[in-house]
């Protein structure tokens, strides 16, 4: 039985999203982000499973998390591409999504910090309102 993790990007879950383009594998990117931002992203016990309306698994995507309970902040790194399938197909050029739900965090500043990591080609702050697929995610 697969555990279902739900990402609700509506009113109760206010995530800022940074798209990352890199040739790094997921665990190496998580390590680089940890070094750059002082986080402790670690592999989730379960991958994220993208499903259709019938609940059939369409694809699975590696997922890394860091929860700062003192600050009430969640950090999530999720792979967009896996075996030719995309989590958010509208953004197929993005390799990973880095989600932050901290209103005190300046997402533009974080994006620049990540862009300064030599193994990251580029980053982009994504307006989730522009892409319907984000509202369909259940994480």
C-alpha atoms as a PDB file:
ATOM      1  CA  UNK A   1       0.000   0.000   0.000  1.00  0.00           C
ATOM      2  CA  UNK A   2       1.405   3.370  -1.019  1.00  0.00           C
ATOM      3  CA  UNK A   3       1.404   6.263   1.389  1.00  0.00           C
ATOM      4  CA  UNK A   4      -0.228   9.319  -0.152  1.00  0.00           C
ATOM      5  CA  UNK A   5       1.414  12.630   0.677  1.00  0.00           C
ATOM      6  CA  UNK A   6      -0.748  15.673  -0.036  1.00  0.00           C
ATOM      7  CA  UNK A   7       0.538  19.089  -1.132  1.00  0.00           C
ATOM      8  CA  UNK A   8      -2.251  21.629  -0.807  1.00  0.00           C
ATOM      9  CA  UNK A   9      -1.111  24.874  -2.411  1.00  0.00           C
ATOM     10  CA  UNK A  10      -4.370  26.638  -1.693  1.00  0.00           C
ATOM     11  CA  UNK A  11      -4.970  29.106   1.136  1.00  0.00           C
ATOM     12  CA  UNK A  12      -3.774  26.913   4.006  1.00  0.00           C
ATOM     13  CA  UNK A  13      -0.445  25.978   2.364  1.00  0.00           C
ATOM     14  CA  UNK A  14       1.324  29.064   1.156  1.00  0.00           C
ATOM     15  CA  UNK A  15       4.426  27.803  -0.638  1.00  0.00           C
ATOM     16  CA  UNK A  16       6.857  29.891  -2.621  1.00  0.00           C
ATOM     17  CA  UNK A  17       8.333  27.851  -5.466  1.00  0.00           C
ATOM     18  CA  UNK A  18      11.777  28.091  -7.029  1.00  0.00           C
ATOM     19  CA  UNK A  19      12.457  26.133 -10.198  1.00  0.00           C
ATOM     20  CA  UNK A  20      15.996  24.754 -10.461  1.00  0.00           C
ATOM     21  CA  UNK A  21      17.836  23.741 -13.623  1.00  0.00           C
ATOM     22  CA  UNK A  22      20.795  21.458 -12.986  1.00  0.00           C
ATOM     23  CA  UNK A  23      22.360  18.244 -14.220  1.00  0.00           C
ATOM     24  CA  UNK A  24      22.916  17.075 -10.630  1.00  0.00           C
ATOM     25  CA  UNK A  25      21.256  13.941  -9.298  1.00  0.00           C
ATOM     26  CA  UNK A  26      18.694  14.527  -6.569  1.00  0.00           C
ATOM     27  CA  UNK A  27      20.784  13.584  -3.510  1.00  0.00           C
ATOM     28  CA  UNK A  28      23.703  15.718  -4.678  1.00  0.00           C
ATOM     29  CA  UNK A  29      21.439  18.729  -5.251  1.00  0.00           C
ATOM     30  CA  UNK A  30      19.928  18.278  -1.779  1.00  0.00           C
ATOM     31  CA  UNK A  31      23.465  18.274  -0.342  1.00  0.00           C
ATOM     32  CA  UNK A  32      24.391  21.433  -2.290  1.00  0.00           C
ATOM     33  CA  UNK A  33      21.236  23.211  -1.075  1.00  0.00           C
ATOM     34  CA  UNK A  34      21.967  22.129   2.493  1.00  0.00           C
ATOM     35  CA  UNK A  35      25.484  23.582   2.226  1.00  0.00           C
ATOM     36  CA  UNK A  36      24.312  26.808   0.574  1.00  0.00           C
ATOM     37  CA  UNK A  37      21.291  27.544   2.785  1.00  0.00           C
ATOM     38  CA  UNK A  38      22.240  25.782   6.024  1.00  0.00           C
ATOM     39  CA  UNK A  39      19.349  23.322   5.761  1.00  0.00           C
ATOM     40  CA  UNK A  40      19.015  19.634   6.543  1.00  0.00           C
ATOM     41  CA  UNK A  41      17.074  18.325   3.560  1.00  0.00           C
ATOM     42  CA  UNK A  42      16.816  14.557   3.726  1.00  0.00           C
ATOM     43  CA  UNK A  43      15.143  11.951   1.549  1.00  0.00           C
ATOM     44  CA  UNK A  44      11.532  11.332   2.450  1.00  0.00           C
ATOM     45  CA  UNK A  45      10.529   7.792   3.268  1.00  0.00           C
ATOM     46  CA  UNK A  46       8.232   7.868   0.252  1.00  0.00           C
ATOM     47  CA  UNK A  47       8.531   9.289  -3.240  1.00  0.00           C
ATOM     48  CA  UNK A  48       5.814  11.601  -4.495  1.00  0.00           C
ATOM     49  CA  UNK A  49       3.392   9.671  -6.704  1.00  0.00           C
ATOM     50  CA  UNK A  50       1.552  11.581  -9.391  1.00  0.00           C
ATOM     51  CA  UNK A  51      -1.789   9.880  -9.971  1.00  0.00           C
ATOM     52  CA  UNK A  52      -4.713  10.237 -12.326  1.00  0.00           C
ATOM     53  CA  UNK A  53      -8.339  10.709 -11.263  1.00  0.00           C
ATOM     54  CA  UNK A  54      -8.716   6.940 -10.822  1.00  0.00           C
ATOM     55  CA  UNK A  55      -5.788   6.868  -8.402  1.00  0.00           C
ATOM     56  CA  UNK A  56      -3.480   5.058 -10.814  1.00  0.00           C
ATOM     57  CA  UNK A  57       0.180   6.002 -10.469  1.00  0.00           C
ATOM     58  CA  UNK A  58       1.415   7.923 -13.520  1.00  0.00           C
ATOM     59  CA  UNK A  59       4.928   8.685 -12.233  1.00  0.00           C
ATOM     60  CA  UNK A  60       7.033   8.860  -9.093  1.00  0.00           C
ATOM     61  CA  UNK A  61       9.351  11.703  -8.106  1.00  0.00           C
ATOM     62  CA  UNK A  62      12.049  11.824  -5.432  1.00  0.00           C
ATOM     63  CA  UNK A  63      11.226  14.037  -2.482  1.00  0.00           C
ATOM     64  CA  UNK A  64      13.491  15.682   0.112  1.00  0.00           C
ATOM     65  CA  UNK A  65      12.220  17.539   3.161  1.00  0.00           C
ATOM     66  CA  UNK A  66      13.407  19.691   6.031  1.00  0.00           C
ATOM     67  CA  UNK A  67      10.955  20.845   8.673  1.00  0.00           C
ATOM     68  CA  UNK A  68      12.024  23.623  11.027  1.00  0.00           C
ATOM     69  CA  UNK A  69       9.431  23.224  13.763  1.00  0.00           C
ATOM     70  CA  UNK A  70      10.813  26.148  15.790  1.00  0.00           C
ATOM     71  CA  UNK A  71      10.258  28.532  12.870  1.00  0.00           C
ATOM     72  CA  UNK A  72       7.216  26.700  11.469  1.00  0.00           C
ATOM     73  CA  UNK A  73       8.911  26.373   8.096  1.00  0.00           C
ATOM     74  CA  UNK A  74       8.794  23.501   5.619  1.00  0.00           C
ATOM     75  CA  UNK A  75      11.316  23.079   2.823  1.00  0.00           C
ATOM     76  CA  UNK A  76      10.624  20.550   0.076  1.00  0.00           C
ATOM     77  CA  UNK A  77      12.792  19.589  -2.880  1.00  0.00           C
ATOM     78  CA  UNK A  78      10.991  17.529  -5.490  1.00  0.00           C
ATOM     79  CA  UNK A  79      12.234  16.201  -8.798  1.00  0.00           C
ATOM     80  CA  UNK A  80      10.217  17.311 -11.826  1.00  0.00           C
ATOM     81  CA  UNK A  81      11.525  14.723 -14.301  1.00  0.00           C
ATOM     82  CA  UNK A  82      11.648  10.971 -13.870  1.00  0.00           C
ATOM     83  CA  UNK A  83      11.869   8.395 -16.646  1.00  0.00           C
ATOM     84  CA  UNK A  84      10.510  10.825 -19.219  1.00  0.00           C
ATOM     85  CA  UNK A  85       7.531  11.846 -17.071  1.00  0.00           C
ATOM     86  CA  UNK A  86       7.059  15.321 -15.593  1.00  0.00           C
ATOM     87  CA  UNK A  87       5.419  16.319 -12.355  1.00  0.00           C
ATOM     88  CA  UNK A  88       4.529  19.714 -13.845  1.00  0.00           C
ATOM     89  CA  UNK A  89       4.530  19.176 -17.598  1.00  0.00           C
ATOM     90  CA  UNK A  90       3.963  22.892 -18.270  1.00  0.00           C
ATOM     91  CA  UNK A  91       7.478  23.457 -16.883  1.00  0.00           C
ATOM     92  CA  UNK A  92       9.329  20.585 -18.513  1.00  0.00           C
ATOM     93  CA  UNK A  93      12.558  22.617 -18.691  1.00  0.00           C
ATOM     94  CA  UNK A  94      12.727  22.719 -14.862  1.00  0.00           C
ATOM     95  CA  UNK A  95      14.592  19.799 -13.245  1.00  0.00           C
ATOM     96  CA  UNK A  96      13.568  20.358  -9.604  1.00  0.00           C
ATOM     97  CA  UNK A  97      11.130  22.424  -7.574  1.00  0.00           C
ATOM     98  CA  UNK A  98      12.200  23.886  -4.242  1.00  0.00           C
ATOM     99  CA  UNK A  99       9.187  24.816  -2.108  1.00  0.00           C
ATOM    100  CA  UNK A 100       9.330  27.070   0.948  1.00  0.00           C
ATOM    101  CA  UNK A 101       6.400  28.020   3.167  1.00  0.00           C
ATOM    102  CA  UNK A 102       7.928  30.832   5.195  1.00  0.00           C
ATOM    103  CA  UNK A 103       6.566  34.340   4.740  1.00  0.00           C
ATOM    104  CA  UNK A 104       9.745  35.753   6.333  1.00  0.00           C
ATOM    105  CA  UNK A 105      11.859  34.170   3.595  1.00  0.00           C
ATOM    106  CA  UNK A 106      12.751  36.398   0.660  1.00  0.00           C
ATOM    107  CA  UNK A 107      12.261  33.901  -2.164  1.00  0.00           C
ATOM    108  CA  UNK A 108      14.129  36.107  -4.652  1.00  0.00           C
ATOM    109  CA  UNK A 109      17.140  36.248  -2.347  1.00  0.00           C
ATOM    110  CA  UNK A 110      17.010  32.476  -1.845  1.00  0.00           C
ATOM    111  CA  UNK A 111      16.821  31.995  -5.615  1.00  0.00           C
ATOM    112  CA  UNK A 112      19.954  34.131  -6.074  1.00  0.00           C
ATOM    113  CA  UNK A 113      21.805  32.164  -3.363  1.00  0.00           C
ATOM    114  CA  UNK A 114      20.948  28.922  -5.154  1.00  0.00           C
ATOM    115  CA  UNK A 115      21.989  30.385  -8.507  1.00  0.00           C
ATOM    116  CA  UNK A 116      25.427  31.036  -7.000  1.00  0.00           C
ATOM    117  CA  UNK A 117      25.946  27.295  -6.466  1.00  0.00           C
ATOM    118  CA  UNK A 118      28.370  26.409  -9.316  1.00  0.00           C
ATOM    119  CA  UNK A 119      26.552  23.184 -10.233  1.00  0.00           C
ATOM    120  CA  UNK A 120      23.164  24.907 -10.637  1.00  0.00           C
ATOM    121  CA  UNK A 121      22.723  26.377 -14.116  1.00  0.00           C
ATOM    122  CA  UNK A 122      19.859  28.679 -13.179  1.00  0.00           C
ATOM    123  CA  UNK A 123      16.902  29.213 -10.882  1.00  0.00           C
ATOM    124  CA  UNK A 124      13.580  30.940 -11.412  1.00  0.00           C
ATOM    125  CA  UNK A 125      10.904  32.060  -8.970  1.00  0.00           C
ATOM    126  CA  UNK A 126       7.665  30.477 -10.171  1.00  0.00           C
ATOM    127  CA  UNK A 127       4.280  32.132  -9.820  1.00  0.00           C
ATOM    128  CA  UNK A 128       2.109  29.113  -8.998  1.00  0.00           C
ATOM    129  CA  UNK A 129      -1.010  31.082  -9.953  1.00  0.00           C
ATOM    130  CA  UNK A 130       0.133  30.913 -13.594  1.00  0.00           C
ATOM    131  CA  UNK A 131       0.209  27.111 -13.706  1.00  0.00           C
ATOM    132  CA  UNK A 132      -2.920  25.052 -13.066  1.00  0.00           C
ATOM    133  CA  UNK A 133      -0.876  21.907 -12.458  1.00  0.00           C
ATOM    134  CA  UNK A 134       0.386  23.196  -9.098  1.00  0.00           C
ATOM    135  CA  UNK A 135      -3.174  23.321  -7.776  1.00  0.00           C
ATOM    136  CA  UNK A 136      -3.624  19.671  -8.738  1.00  0.00           C
ATOM    137  CA  UNK A 137      -0.637  18.461  -6.730  1.00  0.00           C
ATOM    138  CA  UNK A 138      -1.276  16.379  -3.664  1.00  0.00           C
ATOM    139  CA  UNK A 139       1.843  16.118  -1.566  1.00  0.00           C
END
